[in-house]
C-alpha atoms as a PDB file:
ATOM      1  CA  MET A   1      -2.428  25.339  -3.741  1.00  0.00           C
ATOM      2  CA  LYS A   2      -3.152  23.246  -6.642  1.00  0.00           C
ATOM      3  CA  ASN A   3      -6.313  23.975  -8.986  1.00  0.00           C
ATOM      4  CA  LEU A   4      -7.619  20.549  -8.422  1.00  0.00           C
ATOM      5  CA  ILE A   5      -8.336  18.424  -5.786  1.00  0.00           C
ATOM      6  CA  ARG A   6      -6.775  16.031  -4.583  1.00  0.00           C
ATOM      7  CA  PHE A   7      -8.378  11.842  -5.711  1.00  0.00           C
ATOM      8  CA  ASP A   8      -8.518  10.943  -1.751  1.00  0.00           C
ATOM      9  CA  TRP A   9     -10.477  13.458  -1.110  1.00  0.00           C
ATOM     10  CA  ALA A  10     -12.015  13.037  -3.714  1.00  0.00           C
ATOM     11  CA  VAL A  11     -13.045   9.753  -3.263  1.00  0.00           C
ATOM     12  CA  LYS A  12     -14.141  10.456   0.324  1.00  0.00           C
ATOM     13  CA  ARG A  13     -16.850  13.591  -0.627  1.00  0.00           C
ATOM     14  CA  LEU A  14     -17.507  14.065  -4.608  1.00  0.00           C
ATOM     15  CA  LEU A  15     -17.521  10.610  -6.270  1.00  0.00           C
ATOM     16  CA  ARG A  16     -19.608   9.162  -4.242  1.00  0.00           C
ATOM     17  CA  ASN A  17     -21.991  11.119  -6.122  1.00  0.00           C
ATOM     18  CA  LYS A  18     -23.749   9.243  -8.924  1.00  0.00           C
ATOM     19  CA  ALA A  19     -23.349  12.289 -11.194  1.00  0.00           C
ATOM     20  CA  ASN A  20     -19.823  11.927 -10.751  1.00  0.00           C
ATOM     21  CA  TYR A  21     -19.470   8.186 -11.364  1.00  0.00           C
ATOM     22  CA  GLY A  22     -18.182   8.886 -14.689  1.00  0.00           C
ATOM     23  CA  ILE A  23     -14.779  10.021 -13.078  1.00  0.00           C
ATOM     24  CA  LEU A  24     -14.251   6.853 -11.322  1.00  0.00           C
ATOM     25  CA  GLU A  25     -15.532   4.363 -14.349  1.00  0.00           C
ATOM     26  CA  GLY A  26     -12.859   6.341 -16.454  1.00  0.00           C
ATOM     27  CA  PHE A  27      -9.981   5.519 -14.013  1.00  0.00           C
ATOM     28  CA  LEU A  28     -11.106   2.291 -13.616  1.00  0.00           C
ATOM     29  CA  SER A  29     -11.636   1.496 -17.472  1.00  0.00           C
ATOM     30  CA  GLU A  30      -8.440   2.938 -17.855  1.00  0.00           C
ATOM     31  CA  LEU A  31      -6.710   0.618 -15.633  1.00  0.00           C
ATOM     32  CA  THR A  32      -8.244  -2.562 -16.060  1.00  0.00           C
ATOM     33  CA  GLY A  33      -8.696  -2.259 -19.730  1.00  0.00           C
ATOM     34  CA  GLU A  34     -12.233  -2.927 -19.670  1.00  0.00           C
ATOM     35  CA  ASP A  35     -15.293  -0.943 -19.884  1.00  0.00           C
ATOM     36  CA  ILE A  36     -16.427  -0.447 -16.073  1.00  0.00           C
ATOM     37  CA  LYS A  37     -19.939   0.672 -15.702  1.00  0.00           C
ATOM     38  CA  ILE A  38     -20.672   1.445 -11.579  1.00  0.00           C
ATOM     39  CA  GLU A  39     -24.125   0.598 -10.981  1.00  0.00           C
ATOM     40  CA  SER A  40     -24.024   1.829  -6.949  1.00  0.00           C
ATOM     41  CA  ILE A  41     -21.568   2.572  -4.226  1.00  0.00           C
ATOM     42  CA  LEU A  42     -22.024   0.412  -1.741  1.00  0.00           C
ATOM     43  CA  GLU A  43     -21.564   0.510   1.932  1.00  0.00           C
ATOM     44  CA  SER A  44     -20.106  -1.883   4.504  1.00  0.00           C
ATOM     45  CA  GLU A  45     -18.388  -2.184   7.265  1.00  0.00           C
ATOM     46  CA  THR A  46     -14.965  -1.779   6.076  1.00  0.00           C
ATOM     47  CA  ASN A  47     -16.825   1.229   4.075  1.00  0.00           C
ATOM     48  CA  LYS A  48     -18.017   2.616   7.855  1.00  0.00           C
ATOM     49  CA  ASP A  49     -14.255   2.647   9.534  1.00  0.00           C
ATOM     50  CA  TYR A  50     -12.730   5.729   7.383  1.00  0.00           C
ATOM     51  CA  LYS A  51     -14.471   8.051   8.939  1.00  0.00           C
ATOM     52  CA  GLU A  52     -13.217   7.119  12.377  1.00  0.00           C
ATOM     53  CA  ASP A  53      -9.637   5.964  10.796  1.00  0.00           C
ATOM     54  CA  LYS A  54      -6.556   8.583  10.309  1.00  0.00           C
ATOM     55  CA  LEU A  55      -7.297  10.746   7.441  1.00  0.00           C
ATOM     56  CA  THR A  56      -4.247   9.239   5.052  1.00  0.00           C
ATOM     57  CA  ARG A  57      -6.229   5.975   4.639  1.00  0.00           C
ATOM     58  CA  VAL A  58      -9.177   6.568   2.345  1.00  0.00           C
ATOM     59  CA  ASP A  59     -11.256   3.642   0.694  1.00  0.00           C
ATOM     60  CA  LEU A  60     -14.384   2.919  -1.524  1.00  0.00           C
ATOM     61  CA  LEU A  61     -16.691   0.133  -2.210  1.00  0.00           C
ATOM     62  CA  VAL A  62     -18.286   0.002  -5.837  1.00  0.00           C
ATOM     63  CA  LYS A  63     -20.189  -2.441  -7.781  1.00  0.00           C
ATOM     64  CA  ASN A  64     -20.319  -2.578 -11.138  1.00  0.00           C
ATOM     65  CA  THR A  65     -22.746  -3.642 -13.787  1.00  0.00           C
ATOM     66  CA  GLN A  66     -21.763  -6.486 -14.001  1.00  0.00           C
ATOM     67  CA  GLY A  67     -22.184  -7.476 -10.065  1.00  0.00           C
ATOM     68  CA  GLU A  68     -18.565  -7.406  -9.287  1.00  0.00           C
ATOM     69  CA  LEU A  69     -17.601  -5.716  -5.901  1.00  0.00           C
ATOM     70  CA  ILE A  70     -14.384  -3.036  -6.630  1.00  0.00           C
ATOM     71  CA  ILE A  71     -12.126  -1.879  -3.686  1.00  0.00           C
ATOM     72  CA  ILE A  72     -10.140   1.588  -4.080  1.00  0.00           C
ATOM     73  CA  GLU A  73      -7.801   2.010  -1.267  1.00  0.00           C
ATOM     74  CA  ILE A  74      -5.374   4.870  -1.015  1.00  0.00           C
ATOM     75  CA  GLN A  75      -2.988   5.125   1.401  1.00  0.00           C
ATOM     76  CA  ASN A  76      -0.950   7.723   1.944  1.00  0.00           C
ATOM     77  CA  ASN A  77       1.439   6.530   4.922  1.00  0.00           C
ATOM     78  CA  ARG A  78       3.855   3.719   4.766  1.00  0.00           C
ATOM     79  CA  GLU A  79       2.341   0.374   6.453  1.00  0.00           C
ATOM     80  CA  HIS A  80       4.623  -2.492   6.428  1.00  0.00           C
ATOM     81  CA  ASP A  81       1.965  -5.007   6.632  1.00  0.00           C
ATOM     82  CA  TYR A  82      -0.150  -3.643   3.894  1.00  0.00           C
ATOM     83  CA  LEU A  83       0.400  -6.715   1.775  1.00  0.00           C
ATOM     84  CA  LEU A  84      -1.925  -8.610   4.148  1.00  0.00           C
ATOM     85  CA  ARG A  85      -4.373  -6.322   4.879  1.00  0.00           C
ATOM     86  CA  ILE A  86      -4.564  -5.933   1.217  1.00  0.00           C
ATOM     87  CA  LEU A  87      -5.703  -9.826   1.682  1.00  0.00           C
ATOM     88  CA  PHE A  88      -7.869  -9.425   4.365  1.00  0.00           C
ATOM     89  CA  GLY A  89      -9.728  -6.183   2.309  1.00  0.00           C
ATOM     90  CA  THR A  90     -10.814  -8.916  -0.218  1.00  0.00           C
ATOM     91  CA  SER A  91     -11.658 -11.854   2.405  1.00  0.00           C
ATOM     92  CA  LYS A  92     -13.670  -9.208   4.501  1.00  0.00           C
ATOM     93  CA  HIS A  93     -15.719  -8.289   1.682  1.00  0.00           C
ATOM     94  CA  LEU A  94     -16.345 -11.443   0.079  1.00  0.00           C
ATOM     95  CA  ILE A  95     -17.888 -12.545   3.337  1.00  0.00           C
ATOM     96  CA  GLU A  96     -19.829  -9.386   3.855  1.00  0.00           C
ATOM     97  CA  ASN A  97     -21.628 -10.358   0.375  1.00  0.00           C
ATOM     98  CA  MET A  98     -22.246 -13.665   0.652  1.00  0.00           C
ATOM     99  CA  GLY A  99     -25.639 -14.198   2.005  1.00  0.00           C
ATOM    100  CA  GLU A 100     -27.222 -17.167   3.626  1.00  0.00           C
ATOM    101  CA  GLY A 101     -27.474 -20.328   1.645  1.00  0.00           C
ATOM    102  CA  MET A 102     -25.671 -18.840  -1.336  1.00  0.00           C
ATOM    103  CA  LYS A 103     -24.414 -21.018  -3.513  1.00  0.00           C
ATOM    104  CA  TYR A 104     -20.490 -20.882  -4.122  1.00  0.00           C
ATOM    105  CA  SER A 105     -20.931 -19.945  -8.095  1.00  0.00           C
ATOM    106  CA  GLN A 106     -22.635 -16.970  -7.243  1.00  0.00           C
ATOM    107  CA  VAL A 107     -19.795 -15.439  -4.581  1.00  0.00           C
ATOM    108  CA  LYS A 108     -18.903 -11.978  -6.479  1.00  0.00           C
ATOM    109  CA  LYS A 109     -15.848 -11.267  -7.730  1.00  0.00           C
ATOM    110  CA  VAL A 110     -13.565  -8.777  -6.200  1.00  0.00           C
ATOM    111  CA  ILE A 111     -10.751  -6.399  -7.628  1.00  0.00           C
ATOM    112  CA  SER A 112      -8.497  -4.589  -5.384  1.00  0.00           C
ATOM    113  CA  VAL A 113      -6.953  -1.538  -6.613  1.00  0.00           C
ATOM    114  CA  ASN A 114      -4.435  -0.140  -3.842  1.00  0.00           C
ATOM    115  CA  ILE A 115      -2.960   3.820  -4.822  1.00  0.00           C
ATOM    116  CA  VAL A 116      -0.527   4.039  -2.447  1.00  0.00           C
ATOM    117  CA  TYR A 117       1.881   6.762  -1.558  1.00  0.00           C
ATOM    118  CA  PHE A 118       5.133   4.769  -0.190  1.00  0.00           C
ATOM    119  CA  ASP A 119       7.452   1.842  -1.500  1.00  0.00           C
ATOM    120  CA  LEU A 120       5.986  -0.855  -0.960  1.00  0.00           C
ATOM    121  CA  GLY A 121       8.202  -3.914  -1.241  1.00  0.00           C
ATOM    122  CA  HIS A 122      10.739  -4.165  -4.039  1.00  0.00           C
ATOM    123  CA  GLY A 123      10.476  -3.434  -7.722  1.00  0.00           C
ATOM    124  CA  GLU A 124      11.094  -0.585 -10.631  1.00  0.00           C
ATOM    125  CA  ASP A 125       7.575  -0.705 -11.988  1.00  0.00           C
ATOM    126  CA  TYR A 126       4.606   1.801 -10.335  1.00  0.00           C
ATOM    127  CA  ILE A 127       1.889  -0.581 -11.233  1.00  0.00           C
ATOM    128  CA  TYR A 128       1.585  -4.043 -10.280  1.00  0.00           C
ATOM    129  CA  HIS A 129      -1.162  -6.408 -11.439  1.00  0.00           C
ATOM    130  CA  GLY A 130      -1.866  -9.851  -9.166  1.00  0.00           C
ATOM    131  CA  THR A 131      -4.269 -12.852 -10.020  1.00  0.00           C
ATOM    132  CA  THR A 132      -4.527 -16.522  -8.432  1.00  0.00           C
ATOM    133  CA  ASN A 133      -3.405 -19.019 -11.239  1.00  0.00           C
ATOM    134  CA  PHE A 134      -3.259 -22.655 -10.631  1.00  0.00           C
ATOM    135  CA  ILE A 135       0.107 -24.253 -12.224  1.00  0.00           C
ATOM    136  CA  GLY A 136       0.928 -27.768 -12.683  1.00  0.00           C
ATOM    137  CA  LEU A 137       4.296 -29.113 -10.851  1.00  0.00           C
ATOM    138  CA  ASN A 138       5.076 -31.541 -13.440  1.00  0.00           C
ATOM    139  CA  LYS A 139       3.587 -30.136 -16.514  1.00  0.00           C
ATOM    140  CA  LYS A 140       4.202 -26.038 -15.652  1.00  0.00           C
ATOM    141  CA  ASP A 141       0.798 -26.136 -17.428  1.00  0.00           C
ATOM    142  CA  ILE A 142      -2.108 -23.573 -15.911  1.00  0.00           C
ATOM    143  CA  LEU A 143      -5.031 -25.743 -14.887  1.00  0.00           C
ATOM    144  CA  LYS A 144      -8.640 -24.359 -17.111  1.00  0.00           C
ATOM    145  CA  LEU A 145     -12.009 -24.573 -16.589  1.00  0.00           C
ATOM    146  CA  SER A 146     -14.226 -26.623 -18.320  1.00  0.00           C
ATOM    147  CA  LEU A 147     -16.294 -26.234 -20.842  1.00  0.00           C
ATOM    148  CA  GLU A 148     -19.311 -26.721 -18.241  1.00  0.00           C
ATOM    149  CA  GLN A 149     -17.532 -24.498 -15.752  1.00  0.00           C
ATOM    150  CA  GLN A 150     -16.980 -21.528 -18.451  1.00  0.00           C
ATOM    151  CA  LEU A 151     -20.900 -21.725 -18.923  1.00  0.00           C
ATOM    152  CA  LEU A 152     -21.494 -21.271 -14.833  1.00  0.00           C
ATOM    153  CA  TYR A 153     -19.017 -18.917 -14.301  1.00  0.00           C
ATOM    154  CA  GLN A 154     -19.042 -16.885 -17.593  1.00  0.00           C
ATOM    155  CA  THR A 155     -15.577 -16.944 -18.261  1.00  0.00           C
ATOM    156  CA  GLU A 156     -12.830 -18.851 -19.765  1.00  0.00           C
ATOM    157  CA  LYS A 157      -9.545 -18.495 -16.807  1.00  0.00           C
ATOM    158  CA  ILE A 158      -9.860 -19.398 -13.265  1.00  0.00           C
ATOM    159  CA  ALA A 159      -8.081 -16.110 -12.510  1.00  0.00           C
ATOM    160  CA  LYS A 160     -11.085 -14.471 -13.786  1.00  0.00           C
ATOM    161  CA  ILE A 161     -12.740 -15.922 -10.786  1.00  0.00           C
ATOM    162  CA  TYR A 162     -10.753 -15.297  -8.187  1.00  0.00           C
ATOM    163  CA  PRO A 163      -9.677 -11.689  -6.785  1.00  0.00           C
ATOM    164  CA  GLU A 164      -7.948  -9.318  -8.592  1.00  0.00           C
ATOM    165  CA  TYR A 165      -5.224  -7.244  -7.011  1.00  0.00           C
ATOM    166  CA  TYR A 166      -3.905  -4.139  -8.300  1.00  0.00           C
ATOM    167  CA  VAL A 167      -1.024  -1.839  -6.917  1.00  0.00           C
ATOM    168  CA  ILE A 168      -0.079   1.692  -7.984  1.00  0.00           C
ATOM    169  CA  LYS A 169       3.403   2.921  -6.378  1.00  0.00           C
ATOM    170  CA  VAL A 170       2.230   6.463  -7.144  1.00  0.00           C
ATOM    171  CA  ASN A 171       5.585   8.283  -6.019  1.00  0.00           C
ATOM    172  CA  GLN A 172       7.706   5.844  -8.346  1.00  0.00           C
ATOM    173  CA  PHE A 173       5.992   7.616 -11.426  1.00  0.00           C
ATOM    174  CA  ASP A 174       8.494   9.296 -13.686  1.00  0.00           C
ATOM    175  CA  ASP A 175       5.780  11.787 -14.448  1.00  0.00           C
ATOM    176  CA  VAL A 176       6.021  10.834 -18.090  1.00  0.00           C
ATOM    177  CA  ALA A 177       2.616   9.680 -19.876  1.00  0.00           C
ATOM    178  CA  LYS A 178       3.318   7.531 -22.107  1.00  0.00           C
ATOM    179  CA  ASN A 179      -0.467   5.720 -22.341  1.00  0.00           C
ATOM    180  CA  THR A 180      -4.146   7.557 -21.052  1.00  0.00           C
ATOM    181  CA  LEU A 181      -3.197   5.144 -17.987  1.00  0.00           C
ATOM    182  CA  ASP A 182      -0.100   6.888 -17.400  1.00  0.00           C
ATOM    183  CA  GLU A 183      -2.902  10.356 -17.467  1.00  0.00           C
ATOM    184  CA  TRP A 184      -4.435   9.070 -14.471  1.00  0.00           C
ATOM    185  CA  ILE A 185      -1.155   8.432 -12.500  1.00  0.00           C
ATOM    186  CA  TYR A 186       0.425  11.702 -13.327  1.00  0.00           C
ATOM    187  CA  PHE A 187      -2.890  13.146 -11.823  1.00  0.00           C
ATOM    188  CA  LEU A 188      -2.506  11.098  -8.749  1.00  0.00           C
ATOM    189  CA  LYS A 189       0.610  12.069  -8.161  1.00  0.00           C
ATOM    190  CA  LYS A 190       0.653  15.953  -9.428  1.00  0.00           C
ATOM    191  CA  GLU A 191      -3.166  16.656  -8.988  1.00  0.00           C
ATOM    192  CA  GLU A 192      -2.553  18.174 -12.450  1.00  0.00           C
ATOM    193  CA  ILE A 193      -4.491  17.232 -15.868  1.00  0.00           C
ATOM    194  CA  LYS A 194      -2.826  18.585 -18.973  1.00  0.00           C
ATOM    195  CA  ASP A 195      -4.933  20.200 -21.708  1.00  0.00           C
ATOM    196  CA  GLU A 196      -3.593  17.538 -23.607  1.00  0.00           C
ATOM    197  CA  PHE A 197      -4.750  14.356 -21.701  1.00  0.00           C
ATOM    198  CA  LYS A 198      -7.429  11.712 -22.991  1.00  0.00           C
ATOM    199  CA  ALA A 199      -8.235   9.254 -20.770  1.00  0.00           C
ATOM    200  CA  LYS A 200     -11.530   8.605 -19.816  1.00  0.00           C
ATOM    201  CA  GLY A 201     -13.028  10.532 -16.797  1.00  0.00           C
ATOM    202  CA  LEU A 202     -10.067  13.081 -16.622  1.00  0.00           C
ATOM    203  CA  LYS A 203     -12.098  15.677 -18.476  1.00  0.00           C
ATOM    204  CA  GLN A 204     -14.713  15.388 -16.243  1.00  0.00           C
ATOM    205  CA  ALA A 205     -12.406  15.700 -13.430  1.00  0.00           C
ATOM    206  CA  LYS A 206     -10.845  18.521 -14.421  1.00  0.00           C
ATOM    207  CA  LYS A 207     -14.107  20.359 -13.949  1.00  0.00           C
ATOM    208  CA  GLU A 208     -15.619  18.639 -11.276  1.00  0.00           C
ATOM    209  CA  LEU A 209     -12.182  18.450  -9.171  1.00  0.00           C
ATOM    210  CA  ASN A 210     -11.688  22.309  -9.663  1.00  0.00           C
ATOM    211  CA  ILE A 211     -10.989  23.647  -5.890  1.00  0.00           C
ATOM    212  CA  LEU A 212     -12.879  27.089  -7.026  1.00  0.00           C
ATOM    213  CA  LYS A 213     -16.168  24.675  -7.748  1.00  0.00           C
ATOM    214  CA  LEU A 214     -16.189  23.957  -3.779  1.00  0.00           C
ATOM    215  CA  SER A 215     -18.095  25.502  -1.253  1.00  0.00           C
ATOM    216  CA  GLU A 216     -16.835  28.115   1.839  1.00  0.00           C
ATOM    217  CA  LYS A 217     -17.360  24.945   3.855  1.00  0.00           C
ATOM    218  CA  ASP A 218     -16.282  22.384   1.688  1.00  0.00           C
ATOM    219  CA  ARG A 219     -13.095  24.424   0.772  1.00  0.00           C
ATOM    220  CA  LYS A 220     -12.222  24.849   4.588  1.00  0.00           C
ATOM    221  CA  ASP A 221     -12.733  21.081   5.202  1.00  0.00           C
ATOM    222  CA  TYR A 222     -10.146  20.359   2.359  1.00  0.00           C
ATOM    223  CA  GLU A 223      -7.626  22.699   3.518  1.00  0.00           C
ATOM    224  CA  HIS A 224      -7.754  21.034   7.175  1.00  0.00           C
ATOM    225  CA  PHE A 225      -7.384  18.216   4.993  1.00  0.00           C
ATOM    226  CA  ILE A 226      -4.279  18.516   3.610  1.00  0.00           C
ATOM    227  CA  GLU A 227      -3.139  20.326   6.763  1.00  0.00           C
ATOM    228  CA  GLN A 228      -3.529  17.257   8.534  1.00  0.00           C
ATOM    229  CA  ILE A 229      -1.480  15.039   5.814  1.00  0.00           C
ATOM    230  CA  ARG A 230       0.890  17.210   6.008  1.00  0.00           C
ATOM    231  CA  TYR A 231       0.840  17.286  10.093  1.00  0.00           C
ATOM    232  CA  GLU A 232       1.170  13.406   9.699  1.00  0.00           C
ATOM    233  CA  GLU A 233       3.725  12.850   7.634  1.00  0.00           C
ATOM    234  CA  SER A 234       6.052  15.043   9.328  1.00  0.00           C
ATOM    235  CA  ILE A 235       5.275  13.273  12.138  1.00  0.00           C
ATOM    236  CA  ILE A 236       6.348  10.314  10.330  1.00  0.00           C
ATOM    237  CA  VAL A 237       9.426  12.107   9.095  1.00  0.00           C
ATOM    238  CA  SER A 238      10.207  13.476  12.567  1.00  0.00           C
ATOM    239  CA  ASN A 239      10.156   9.694  14.496  1.00  0.00           C
ATOM    240  CA  TYR A 240      12.039   8.594  11.635  1.00  0.00           C
ATOM    241  CA  LYS A 241      14.473  11.089  12.450  1.00  0.00           C
ATOM    242  CA  VAL A 242      14.822  10.412  15.925  1.00  0.00           C
ATOM    243  CA  GLY A 243      14.617   7.003  16.187  1.00  0.00           C
ATOM    244  CA  GLU A 244      18.191   7.285  13.279  1.00  0.00           C
ATOM    245  CA  LEU A 245      19.740   9.601  15.733  1.00  0.00           C
ATOM    246  CA  LYS A 246      19.319   7.231  18.853  1.00  0.00           C
ATOM    247  CA  GLY A 247      20.595   4.090  16.431  1.00  0.00           C
ATOM    248  CA  LYS A 248      23.716   6.271  15.707  1.00  0.00           C
ATOM    249  CA  GLU A 249      24.266   7.182  19.370  1.00  0.00           C
ATOM    250  CA  GLU A 250      23.522   3.484  20.870  1.00  0.00           C
ATOM    251  CA  GLY A 251      25.707   2.096  17.865  1.00  0.00           C
ATOM    252  CA  LYS A 252      28.483   4.111  18.869  1.00  0.00           C
ATOM    253  CA  ILE A 253      28.408   3.360  22.594  1.00  0.00           C
ATOM    254  CA  GLU A 254      28.012  -0.250  21.249  1.00  0.00           C
ATOM    255  CA  GLY A 255      31.011   0.124  19.358  1.00  0.00           C
ATOM    256  CA  LYS A 256      32.779   1.756  22.483  1.00  0.00           C
ATOM    257  CA  ILE A 257      31.818  -1.015  24.556  1.00  0.00           C
ATOM    258  CA  GLU A 258      32.894  -3.991  22.198  1.00  0.00           C
ATOM    259  CA  GLY A 259      36.115  -1.750  21.365  1.00  0.00           C
ATOM    260  CA  LYS A 260      37.607  -2.365  24.936  1.00  0.00           C
ATOM    261  CA  LYS A 261      36.191  -5.847  25.471  1.00  0.00           C
ATOM    262  CA  GLU A 262      38.660  -6.654  22.099  1.00  0.00           C
ATOM    263  CA  ARG A 263      41.085  -5.217  23.980  1.00  0.00           C
ATOM    264  CA  ASP A 264      40.813  -7.204  27.203  1.00  0.00           C
ATOM    265  CA  ILE A 265      40.769  -9.870  25.642  1.00  0.00           C
ATOM    266  CA  GLU A 266      44.344  -8.752  23.818  1.00  0.00           C
ATOM    267  CA  ILE A 267      45.508  -8.030  26.871  1.00  0.00           C
ATOM    268  CA  ALA A 268      44.632 -10.910  28.698  1.00  0.00           C
ATOM    269  CA  LEU A 269      45.931 -13.114  25.887  1.00  0.00           C
ATOM    270  CA  GLN A 270      49.424 -11.693  26.148  1.00  0.00           C
ATOM    271  CA  MET A 271      48.908 -12.350  30.279  1.00  0.00           C
ATOM    272  CA  LEU A 272      48.371 -15.981  29.497  1.00  0.00           C
ATOM    273  CA  LYS A 273      51.267 -16.268  27.024  1.00  0.00           C
ATOM    274  CA  ASP A 274      53.846 -14.837  29.957  1.00  0.00           C
ATOM    275  CA  GLY A 275      52.507 -17.296  32.109  1.00  0.00           C
ATOM    276  CA  GLU A 276      50.572 -15.418  33.977  1.00  0.00           C
ATOM    277  CA  PRO A 277      47.859 -16.998  36.796  1.00  0.00           C
ATOM    278  CA  ILE A 278      44.364 -16.560  35.916  1.00  0.00           C
ATOM    279  CA  GLU A 279      44.173 -14.906  39.914  1.00  0.00           C
ATOM    280  CA  LYS A 280      46.349 -12.062  38.810  1.00  0.00           C
ATOM    281  CA  ILE A 281      45.331 -11.371  35.344  1.00  0.00           C
ATOM    282  CA  ILE A 282      41.582 -11.073  36.263  1.00  0.00           C
ATOM    283  CA  LYS A 283      42.578  -7.696  38.395  1.00  0.00           C
ATOM    284  CA  TYR A 284      43.224  -5.902  35.129  1.00  0.00           C
ATOM    285  CA  PRO A 285      41.241  -6.335  31.925  1.00  0.00           C
ATOM    286  CA  GLU A 286      37.439  -6.740  32.770  1.00  0.00           C
ATOM    287  CA  LEU A 287      37.031 -10.332  32.037  1.00  0.00           C
ATOM    288  CA  SER A 288      35.303 -12.948  34.358  1.00  0.00           C
ATOM    289  CA  LYS A 289      37.706 -15.972  35.408  1.00  0.00           C
ATOM    290  CA  GLU A 290      35.066 -18.005  32.980  1.00  0.00           C
ATOM    291  CA  GLU A 291      35.763 -15.665  30.098  1.00  0.00           C
ATOM    292  CA  ILE A 292      39.895 -16.029  30.756  1.00  0.00           C
ATOM    293  CA  GLN A 293      39.246 -19.535  31.272  1.00  0.00           C
ATOM    294  CA  ASN A 294      37.936 -19.732  27.771  1.00  0.00           C
ATOM    295  CA  LEU A 295      40.732 -17.759  26.190  1.00  0.00           C
ATOM    296  CA  LYS A 296      42.730 -20.934  26.982  1.00  0.00           C
END
């Protein structure tokens, strides 16, 4: 077992503690390129669901000092509809945090951070950032805020009003840390922090997320978590292999049937060329009268 705790288990247990906010602040600051300060960890209906959900999914809702909501979700197992789940998550949090009588200008900004340990979509990068812009169909220009709107929304760009999305495809990272954000991705993938790493929050993470600092109860819980992750991953791999083998066997059977069908058609065509009546032909190949008539 490695010396450092997996980030997803730390999110479930340790990083909700105010004393450890610096770890999350460091990660989010490196990711967004802004100095993120956490005001609080919020509980919502979505947050509460994680206790009953599979261990392979973890989420956290953070409120920063600017009042923005940041969803951090970690998903270990493949989900084909995950992109729509990201959309659902941001929409749900927008509704949950919009009080009755609230003006639209007071709607909270949502940042969705998704750490996935499977190949989500097709792409060569390992970090993707999504925003909303309005582009002219004719002029191809980007719609901008008026001066009054900039004052109202406290930003110059429309993209800063709408939800932002980050997708980190951990397994696609090449293990070479070229910058401080890569140092965080390295930790997410390898559960290791090199001595020379300088990214915000990693120094504290290396200290606080050490397995040796866990109580006996927490260590047992963590070991159970790791075993459960491995168990669920093995089930997925096993099911995939069973499905693959079943598909191959079914393909062989279908191939044999198709091959016999083609041979029957060849026989029927030859008999038709020889002038044999249909009543005689149907006694040999396994073709119906209608199928033989359609060969003419």
